[in-house]
Structures are given as structure tokens and as C-alpha cells.
C-alpha atoms as a PDB file:
ATOM      1  CA  MET A   1      94.555  27.077 453.172  1.00  0.00           C
ATOM      2  CA  PRO A   2      98.099  28.445 452.575  1.00  0.00           C
ATOM      3  CA  SER A   3      99.873  30.817 454.956  1.00  0.00           C
ATOM      4  CA  THR A   4     101.351  34.151 453.911  1.00  0.00           C
ATOM      5  CA  GLY A   5     104.459  33.376 456.000  1.00  0.00           C
ATOM      6  CA  ALA A   6     107.353  35.848 456.019  1.00  0.00           C
ATOM      7  CA  ARG A   7     106.665  38.692 453.657  1.00  0.00           C
ATOM      8  CA  GLY A   8     108.210  41.893 452.440  1.00  0.00           C
ATOM      9  CA  TRP A   9     104.996  43.813 451.892  1.00  0.00           C
ATOM     10  CA  ASP A  10     102.687  45.883 454.067  1.00  0.00           C
ATOM     11  CA  PRO A  11      99.083  44.589 454.306  1.00  0.00           C
ATOM     12  CA  GLN A  12      97.747  48.104 454.861  1.00  0.00           C
ATOM     13  CA  VAL A  13      99.434  49.346 451.688  1.00  0.00           C
ATOM     14  CA  MET A  14      98.142  46.373 449.717  1.00  0.00           C
ATOM     15  CA  MET A  15      94.687  46.990 451.130  1.00  0.00           C
ATOM     16  CA  ARG A  16      94.751  50.435 449.520  1.00  0.00           C
ATOM     17  CA  LEU A  17      96.220  49.157 446.256  1.00  0.00           C
ATOM     18  CA  LEU A  18      93.675  46.370 445.890  1.00  0.00           C
ATOM     19  CA  SER A  19      90.860  48.593 447.203  1.00  0.00           C
ATOM     20  CA  ALA A  20      88.758  48.263 450.324  1.00  0.00           C
ATOM     21  CA  GLU A  21      85.795  47.245 448.180  1.00  0.00           C
ATOM     22  CA  ARG A  22      87.644  44.258 446.699  1.00  0.00           C
ATOM     23  CA  MET A  23      88.997  43.172 450.066  1.00  0.00           C
ATOM     24  CA  SER A  24      85.699  43.609 451.922  1.00  0.00           C
ATOM     25  CA  THR A  25      84.462  40.123 450.953  1.00  0.00           C
ATOM     26  CA  TYR A  26      87.581  38.540 452.411  1.00  0.00           C
ATOM     27  CA  LEU A  27      87.568  40.702 455.527  1.00  0.00           C
ATOM     28  CA  ASN A  28      83.935  39.870 456.200  1.00  0.00           C
ATOM     29  CA  ALA A  29      84.692  36.169 455.784  1.00  0.00           C
ATOM     30  CA  CYS A  30      87.598  36.473 458.262  1.00  0.00           C
ATOM     31  CA  ASP A  31      85.851  38.559 460.946  1.00  0.00           C
ATOM     32  CA  GLY A  32      87.797  41.654 459.973  1.00  0.00           C
ATOM     33  CA  LEU A  33      91.245  40.087 460.493  1.00  0.00           C
ATOM     34  CA  LEU A  34      93.443  41.590 457.805  1.00  0.00           C
ATOM     35  CA  ASP A  35      96.175  38.939 457.839  1.00  0.00           C
ATOM     36  CA  GLU A  36      93.614  36.159 457.557  1.00  0.00           C
ATOM     37  CA  ALA A  37      91.864  38.053 454.764  1.00  0.00           C
ATOM     38  CA  PHE A  38      95.080  38.076 452.730  1.00  0.00           C
ATOM     39  CA  VAL A  39      95.550  34.344 453.316  1.00  0.00           C
ATOM     40  CA  LEU A  40      92.025  33.813 451.992  1.00  0.00           C
ATOM     41  CA  TYR A  41      92.709  36.169 449.065  1.00  0.00           C
ATOM     42  CA  GLN A  42      95.744  34.069 448.095  1.00  0.00           C
ATOM     43  CA  HIS A  43      93.688  30.906 448.421  1.00  0.00           C
ATOM     44  CA  ASN A  44      91.067  32.447 446.133  1.00  0.00           C
ATOM     45  CA  LEU A  45      93.804  33.097 443.549  1.00  0.00           C
ATOM     46  CA  ASP A  46      94.752  29.416 443.666  1.00  0.00           C
ATOM     47  CA  ILE A  47      91.121  28.362 443.223  1.00  0.00           C
ATOM     48  CA  ALA A  48      90.711  30.803 440.330  1.00  0.00           C
ATOM     49  CA  ALA A  49      93.786  29.347 438.636  1.00  0.00           C
ATOM     50  CA  SER A  50      92.393  25.818 438.822  1.00  0.00           C
ATOM     51  CA  ILE A  51      89.028  27.027 437.483  1.00  0.00           C
ATOM     52  CA  GLN A  52      90.740  28.738 434.552  1.00  0.00           C
ATOM     53  CA  ARG A  53      92.703  25.591 433.755  1.00  0.00           C
ATOM     54  CA  MET A  54      89.526  23.491 433.812  1.00  0.00           C
ATOM     55  CA  THR A  55      87.469  25.918 431.734  1.00  0.00           C
ATOM     56  CA  GLY A  56      90.341  26.442 429.297  1.00  0.00           C
ATOM     57  CA  MET A  57      90.403  22.730 428.534  1.00  0.00           C
ATOM     58  CA  VAL A  58      86.623  22.652 428.179  1.00  0.00           C
ATOM     59  CA  GLU A  59      86.614  25.734 425.958  1.00  0.00           C
ATOM     60  CA  VAL A  60      89.004  24.340 423.360  1.00  0.00           C
ATOM     61  CA  VAL A  61      87.174  21.006 423.041  1.00  0.00           C
ATOM     62  CA  THR A  62      83.751  22.682 422.932  1.00  0.00           C
ATOM     63  CA  ARG A  63      84.843  25.311 420.431  1.00  0.00           C
ATOM     64  CA  ASN A  64      86.382  22.765 418.086  1.00  0.00           C
ATOM     65  CA  SER A  65      83.349  20.488 418.229  1.00  0.00           C
ATOM     66  CA  ILE A  66      80.896  23.312 417.480  1.00  0.00           C
ATOM     67  CA  ASP A  67      83.177  24.683 414.774  1.00  0.00           C
ATOM     68  CA  LYS A  68      83.396  21.289 413.069  1.00  0.00           C
ATOM     69  CA  SER A  69      79.624  20.807 413.137  1.00  0.00           C
ATOM     70  CA  LEU A  70      79.051  24.203 411.536  1.00  0.00           C
ATOM     71  CA  ALA A  71      81.832  23.747 408.984  1.00  0.00           C
ATOM     72  CA  ASN A  72      80.254  20.483 407.853  1.00  0.00           C
ATOM     73  CA  TYR A  73      76.884  22.203 407.604  1.00  0.00           C
ATOM     74  CA  ALA A  74      78.257  25.121 405.586  1.00  0.00           C
ATOM     75  CA  ALA A  75      79.989  22.733 403.180  1.00  0.00           C
ATOM     76  CA  GLN A  76      76.561  21.422 402.208  1.00  0.00           C
ATOM     77  CA  ARG A  77      75.227  24.912 401.481  1.00  0.00           C
ATOM     78  CA  ASP A  78      75.627  26.399 397.992  1.00  0.00           C
ATOM     79  CA  GLY A  79      77.685  29.586 397.912  1.00  0.00           C
ATOM     80  CA  ILE A  80      78.869  29.368 401.542  1.00  0.00           C
ATOM     81  CA  ALA A  81      82.630  28.857 401.728  1.00  0.00           C
ATOM     82  CA  ASP A  82      82.877  29.495 405.472  1.00  0.00           C
ATOM     83  CA  TRP A  83      80.191  29.185 408.136  1.00  0.00           C
ATOM     84  CA  PHE A  84      81.242  32.588 409.470  1.00  0.00           C
ATOM     85  CA  ASP A  85      79.393  33.874 406.379  1.00  0.00           C
ATOM     86  CA  LEU A  86      76.114  32.118 407.165  1.00  0.00           C
ATOM     87  CA  PRO A  87      73.315  34.698 406.788  1.00  0.00           C
ATOM     88  CA  VAL A  88      71.515  33.429 409.904  1.00  0.00           C
ATOM     89  CA  LEU A  89      74.202  34.824 412.203  1.00  0.00           C
ATOM     90  CA  ASP A  90      72.876  37.895 413.979  1.00  0.00           C
ATOM     91  CA  SER A  91      74.574  41.303 414.078  1.00  0.00           C
ATOM     92  CA  LYS A  92      76.298  40.616 417.405  1.00  0.00           C
ATOM     93  CA  ALA A  93      77.864  37.394 416.137  1.00  0.00           C
ATOM     94  CA  GLN A  94      78.954  39.087 412.908  1.00  0.00           C
ATOM     95  CA  GLU A  95      80.556  41.922 414.870  1.00  0.00           C
ATOM     96  CA  ASP A  96      82.362  39.420 417.098  1.00  0.00           C
ATOM     97  CA  ILE A  97      83.788  37.727 413.996  1.00  0.00           C
ATOM     98  CA  ARG A  98      84.899  41.068 412.502  1.00  0.00           C
ATOM     99  CA  ALA A  99      86.570  42.025 415.780  1.00  0.00           C
ATOM    100  CA  ALA A 100      88.329  38.633 415.935  1.00  0.00           C
ATOM    101  CA  LYS A 101      89.675  39.171 412.400  1.00  0.00           C
ATOM    102  CA  LYS A 102      91.036  42.577 413.434  1.00  0.00           C
ATOM    103  CA  ARG A 103      92.804  41.071 416.440  1.00  0.00           C
ATOM    104  CA  VAL A 104      94.418  38.429 414.228  1.00  0.00           C
ATOM    105  CA  ARG A 105      95.642  41.084 411.784  1.00  0.00           C
ATOM    106  CA  HIS A 106      96.912  43.242 414.650  1.00  0.00           C
ATOM    107  CA  THR A 107      99.155  40.412 415.875  1.00  0.00           C
ATOM    108  CA  GLY A 108     100.571  39.908 412.394  1.00  0.00           C
ATOM    109  CA  ARG A 109      99.262  36.377 412.083  1.00  0.00           C
ATOM    110  CA  LYS A 110      97.750  34.982 408.914  1.00  0.00           C
ATOM    111  CA  VAL A 111      94.000  35.518 408.817  1.00  0.00           C
ATOM    112  CA  SER A 112      92.462  32.076 408.508  1.00  0.00           C
ATOM    113  CA  HIS A 113      89.351  30.353 409.754  1.00  0.00           C
ATOM    114  CA  GLY A 114      91.333  28.664 412.514  1.00  0.00           C
ATOM    115  CA  SER A 115      93.033  31.836 413.720  1.00  0.00           C
ATOM    116  CA  ILE A 116      89.710  33.688 413.797  1.00  0.00           C
ATOM    117  CA  ALA A 117      87.970  30.855 415.647  1.00  0.00           C
ATOM    118  CA  ALA A 118      90.689  30.851 418.305  1.00  0.00           C
ATOM    119  CA  GLU A 119      90.130  34.582 418.896  1.00  0.00           C
ATOM    120  CA  LEU A 120      86.393  34.235 419.519  1.00  0.00           C
ATOM    121  CA  SER A 121      85.307  34.268 423.139  1.00  0.00           C
ATOM    122  CA  PHE A 122      83.801  31.401 425.100  1.00  0.00           C
ATOM    123  CA  GLY A 123      80.628  33.486 425.213  1.00  0.00           C
ATOM    124  CA  PHE A 124      80.459  33.481 421.419  1.00  0.00           C
ATOM    125  CA  TRP A 125      80.512  29.671 421.287  1.00  0.00           C
ATOM    126  CA  ARG A 126      77.990  29.426 424.075  1.00  0.00           C
ATOM    127  CA  PHE A 127      75.668  31.686 422.091  1.00  0.00           C
ATOM    128  CA  MET A 128      75.823  29.272 419.137  1.00  0.00           C
ATOM    129  CA  THR A 129      73.911  26.806 421.349  1.00  0.00           C
ATOM    130  CA  SER A 130      71.246  29.294 422.451  1.00  0.00           C
ATOM    131  CA  ARG A 131      67.523  29.004 421.850  1.00  0.00           C
ATOM    132  CA  ARG A 132      67.790  31.885 419.367  1.00  0.00           C
ATOM    133  CA  TYR A 133      69.560  29.569 416.939  1.00  0.00           C
ATOM    134  CA  TYR A 134      67.525  26.456 417.672  1.00  0.00           C
ATOM    135  CA  ALA A 135      65.861  26.151 414.250  1.00  0.00           C
ATOM    136  CA  SER A 136      68.545  27.815 412.146  1.00  0.00           C
ATOM    137  CA  LEU A 137      71.728  26.248 413.564  1.00  0.00           C
ATOM    138  CA  TRP A 138      71.072  23.802 416.401  1.00  0.00           C
ATOM    139  CA  VAL A 139      68.755  21.400 414.595  1.00  0.00           C
ATOM    140  CA  PRO A 140      70.628  21.257 411.276  1.00  0.00           C
ATOM    141  CA  ALA A 141      74.151  21.392 412.711  1.00  0.00           C
ATOM    142  CA  VAL A 142      75.179  22.289 416.262  1.00  0.00           C
ATOM    143  CA  HIS A 143      73.453  19.408 418.029  1.00  0.00           C
ATOM    144  CA  ARG A 144      76.004  17.154 416.295  1.00  0.00           C
ATOM    145  CA  ALA A 145      78.731  18.807 418.366  1.00  0.00           C
ATOM    146  CA  PHE A 146      77.244  17.006 421.386  1.00  0.00           C
ATOM    147  CA  PRO A 147      76.386  13.555 419.993  1.00  0.00           C
ATOM    148  CA  TYR A 148      76.296  11.880 423.414  1.00  0.00           C
ATOM    149  CA  GLY A 149      73.732  14.291 424.833  1.00  0.00           C
ATOM    150  CA  ASP A 150      70.017  13.691 425.326  1.00  0.00           C
ATOM    151  CA  SER A 151      68.252  12.016 422.412  1.00  0.00           C
ATOM    152  CA  ASP A 152      65.605  14.755 422.404  1.00  0.00           C
ATOM    153  CA  LEU A 153      67.175  17.679 420.526  1.00  0.00           C
ATOM    154  CA  ARG A 154      65.177  20.291 422.443  1.00  0.00           C
ATOM    155  CA  VAL A 155      66.244  18.846 425.786  1.00  0.00           C
ATOM    156  CA  ARG A 156      69.827  18.528 424.565  1.00  0.00           C
ATOM    157  CA  GLN A 157      69.885  22.180 423.535  1.00  0.00           C
ATOM    158  CA  GLN A 158      68.503  23.324 426.872  1.00  0.00           C
ATOM    159  CA  GLN A 159      70.962  21.231 428.843  1.00  0.00           C
ATOM    160  CA  VAL A 160      74.013  22.184 426.785  1.00  0.00           C
ATOM    161  CA  SER A 161      73.129  25.876 426.808  1.00  0.00           C
ATOM    162  CA  ALA A 162      72.539  25.877 430.576  1.00  0.00           C
ATOM    163  CA  VAL A 163      75.803  24.115 431.380  1.00  0.00           C
ATOM    164  CA  LEU A 164      77.765  26.369 429.034  1.00  0.00           C
ATOM    165  CA  ALA A 165      76.222  29.420 430.707  1.00  0.00           C
ATOM    166  CA  ASP A 166      77.315  28.169 434.129  1.00  0.00           C
ATOM    167  CA  ILE A 167      80.838  27.376 432.943  1.00  0.00           C
ATOM    168  CA  ASN A 168      81.152  30.711 431.164  1.00  0.00           C
ATOM    169  CA  HIS A 169      80.011  32.522 434.320  1.00  0.00           C
ATOM    170  CA  VAL A 170      82.527  30.865 436.630  1.00  0.00           C
ATOM    171  CA  ARG A 171      85.261  31.270 434.007  1.00  0.00           C
ATOM    172  CA  ASN A 172      84.659  35.012 433.827  1.00  0.00           C
ATOM    173  CA  ARG A 173      84.648  35.366 437.612  1.00  0.00           C
ATOM    174  CA  ALA A 174      87.908  33.472 437.879  1.00  0.00           C
ATOM    175  CA  ALA A 175      89.506  35.392 435.003  1.00  0.00           C
ATOM    176  CA  HIS A 176      88.707  38.695 436.722  1.00  0.00           C
ATOM    177  CA  LEU A 177      89.869  37.347 440.104  1.00  0.00           C
ATOM    178  CA  GLU A 178      86.449  37.772 441.655  1.00  0.00           C
ATOM    179  CA  PRO A 179      85.661  35.817 444.857  1.00  0.00           C
ATOM    180  CA  VAL A 180      85.122  32.153 444.002  1.00  0.00           C
ATOM    181  CA  PHE A 181      86.127  30.537 447.293  1.00  0.00           C
ATOM    182  CA  ARG A 182      82.505  29.938 448.318  1.00  0.00           C
ATOM    183  CA  ARG A 183      81.548  28.147 445.117  1.00  0.00           C
ATOM    184  CA  ASP A 184      80.609  24.490 445.041  1.00  0.00           C
ATOM    185  CA  LEU A 185      83.668  23.513 443.029  1.00  0.00           C
ATOM    186  CA  ASP A 186      82.644  19.860 442.933  1.00  0.00           C
ATOM    187  CA  ALA A 187      79.422  20.906 441.190  1.00  0.00           C
ATOM    188  CA  ASP A 188      81.361  23.105 438.754  1.00  0.00           C
ATOM    189  CA  PHE A 189      83.637  20.191 437.919  1.00  0.00           C
ATOM    190  CA  ARG A 190      80.709  17.802 437.500  1.00  0.00           C
ATOM    191  CA  ARG A 191      79.088  20.181 435.012  1.00  0.00           C
ATOM    192  CA  ALA A 192      82.349  20.482 433.074  1.00  0.00           C
ATOM    193  CA  CYS A 193      82.701  16.688 432.985  1.00  0.00           C
ATOM    194  CA  LEU A 194      79.115  16.300 431.833  1.00  0.00           C
ATOM    195  CA  LEU A 195      79.610  18.742 428.960  1.00  0.00           C
ATOM    196  CA  MET A 196      82.776  16.952 427.873  1.00  0.00           C
ATOM    197  CA  GLU A 197      80.967  13.607 428.020  1.00  0.00           C
ATOM    198  CA  TRP A 198      78.219  14.959 425.762  1.00  0.00           C
ATOM    199  CA  ILE A 199      80.945  15.739 423.215  1.00  0.00           C
ATOM    200  CA  ASP A 200      82.887  12.500 423.666  1.00  0.00           C
ATOM    201  CA  PRO A 201      83.466  10.214 426.672  1.00  0.00           C
ATOM    202  CA  ASN A 202      87.186  10.408 425.913  1.00  0.00           C
ATOM    203  CA  ALA A 203      87.067  14.153 426.559  1.00  0.00           C
ATOM    204  CA  ARG A 204      85.554  13.580 429.993  1.00  0.00           C
ATOM    205  CA  ALA A 205      88.191  10.982 430.876  1.00  0.00           C
ATOM    206  CA  TRP A 206      90.936  13.376 429.728  1.00  0.00           C
ATOM    207  CA  LEU A 207      89.559  16.181 431.878  1.00  0.00           C
ATOM    208  CA  GLU A 208      89.176  13.978 434.930  1.00  0.00           C
ATOM    209  CA  GLU A 209      92.714  12.675 434.563  1.00  0.00           C
ATOM    210  CA  ASN A 210      94.321  16.088 434.199  1.00  0.00           C
ATOM    211  CA  ILE A 211      92.368  18.364 436.551  1.00  0.00           C
ATOM    212  CA  GLN A 212      92.646  18.473 440.323  1.00  0.00           C
ATOM    213  CA  MET A 213      90.489  21.321 441.564  1.00  0.00           C
ATOM    214  CA  THR A 214      91.939  23.478 444.352  1.00  0.00           C
ATOM    215  CA  LYS A 215      89.419  23.738 447.219  1.00  0.00           C
END
């Protein structure tokens, strides 16, 4: 665990700025020792950064694989130019797509399928694998995004959805700098590797080669 070393800031002031509630987890873990709590807080930031790097790599590969499977499916449907227009998408998904389009326009970028897809959250892509869409999207299309998963499509859907839920959860905690120092990071990494392997063994090898989790 790193040391705070020489510093030009007052721990008591930072305690107020960060809030006693936020720091309570670290203080409790360090028997109330404020200096040690800030060392642990910094260590948690380092862990969160490594989690965000891992989940960022997973997100892009997962998103692109799901997007491709749905684009291929939509191309086979009469009158559907873009899978974002598929009538089976529920109101929440449609609202997410509209909001993504607005964000693209707000930044001045060209509104295209790719720019919209990049604006959609990890949670959106996870939801595309949910049981809600099993018959309408998973069976005809989305299962192809994970061709190296279980041969039973129902089992594959359950496994993919569960792993994506876990990865999305830890990603959100890390992104909001919530305490993650007690997590089983080896288990998180194994789940990420497994998901990448279900997409393509090359993706797993790439992740393993480029990620060293901070513990």
C-alpha cells in the first residue's frame, strides 16, 4: 500500500471536504487512524483506476460484438435500416437511444450509428442480453455476439447476463470512487476474462496481456 509521504494538505480539512460519511469506511478499516485512512483511500483510488481500465476494455469489445450481431439481424429484416429502430426495443431502451443522439448533437459531432452506439452506457448493452429480450433478440441475434459461450442458448444467456451484471456493478462503484479495496479482484478479473473468451479467445489473451490489476 502506498504512503502519503510529505504533503501540503491538512487531513482534517480533507476529512470535511470529502465528508465524514465517505471516509468512515476507511477509518473503520484503519482503527480510526486518520493518516492510515488516507493511505487506504489513495490505495482505493489506484484499485478503482485499474478496475476502470479493465472494464473499459471489456466494454468496447462487448459493445461492438453485440452491435454487430444486431446490425446483421436488422439487415435481414424488411424496412429496418438500423437496429436502433427495431420495434421490440422497450421504452427505456428507446429513451436511452434518444438521449445518446442528443449528446452526440450537443458535442457537434456527426450523428451516426457509431457515434450513438459509443454514447450508450454499459448498462444499456448489458440489458440487451437480459431475459426480457431472450426470444426477441437473444435467440435470433445477440447470442452470436458470444459464439464461444455455452452451447445451450438459455445457459449462455444466463451466464453472459450474470457476468455483465457483475462487471457493470464493479465498474459503477469504481467510476464513483466507492470503496472497492475489499473486493476479490482476482474473481473480478476472471469474470472479465471469461466474458472476453466467450466473444473471442483473442480478446481474452489481449486483456490478460494488457491488464495488471492493482491489489
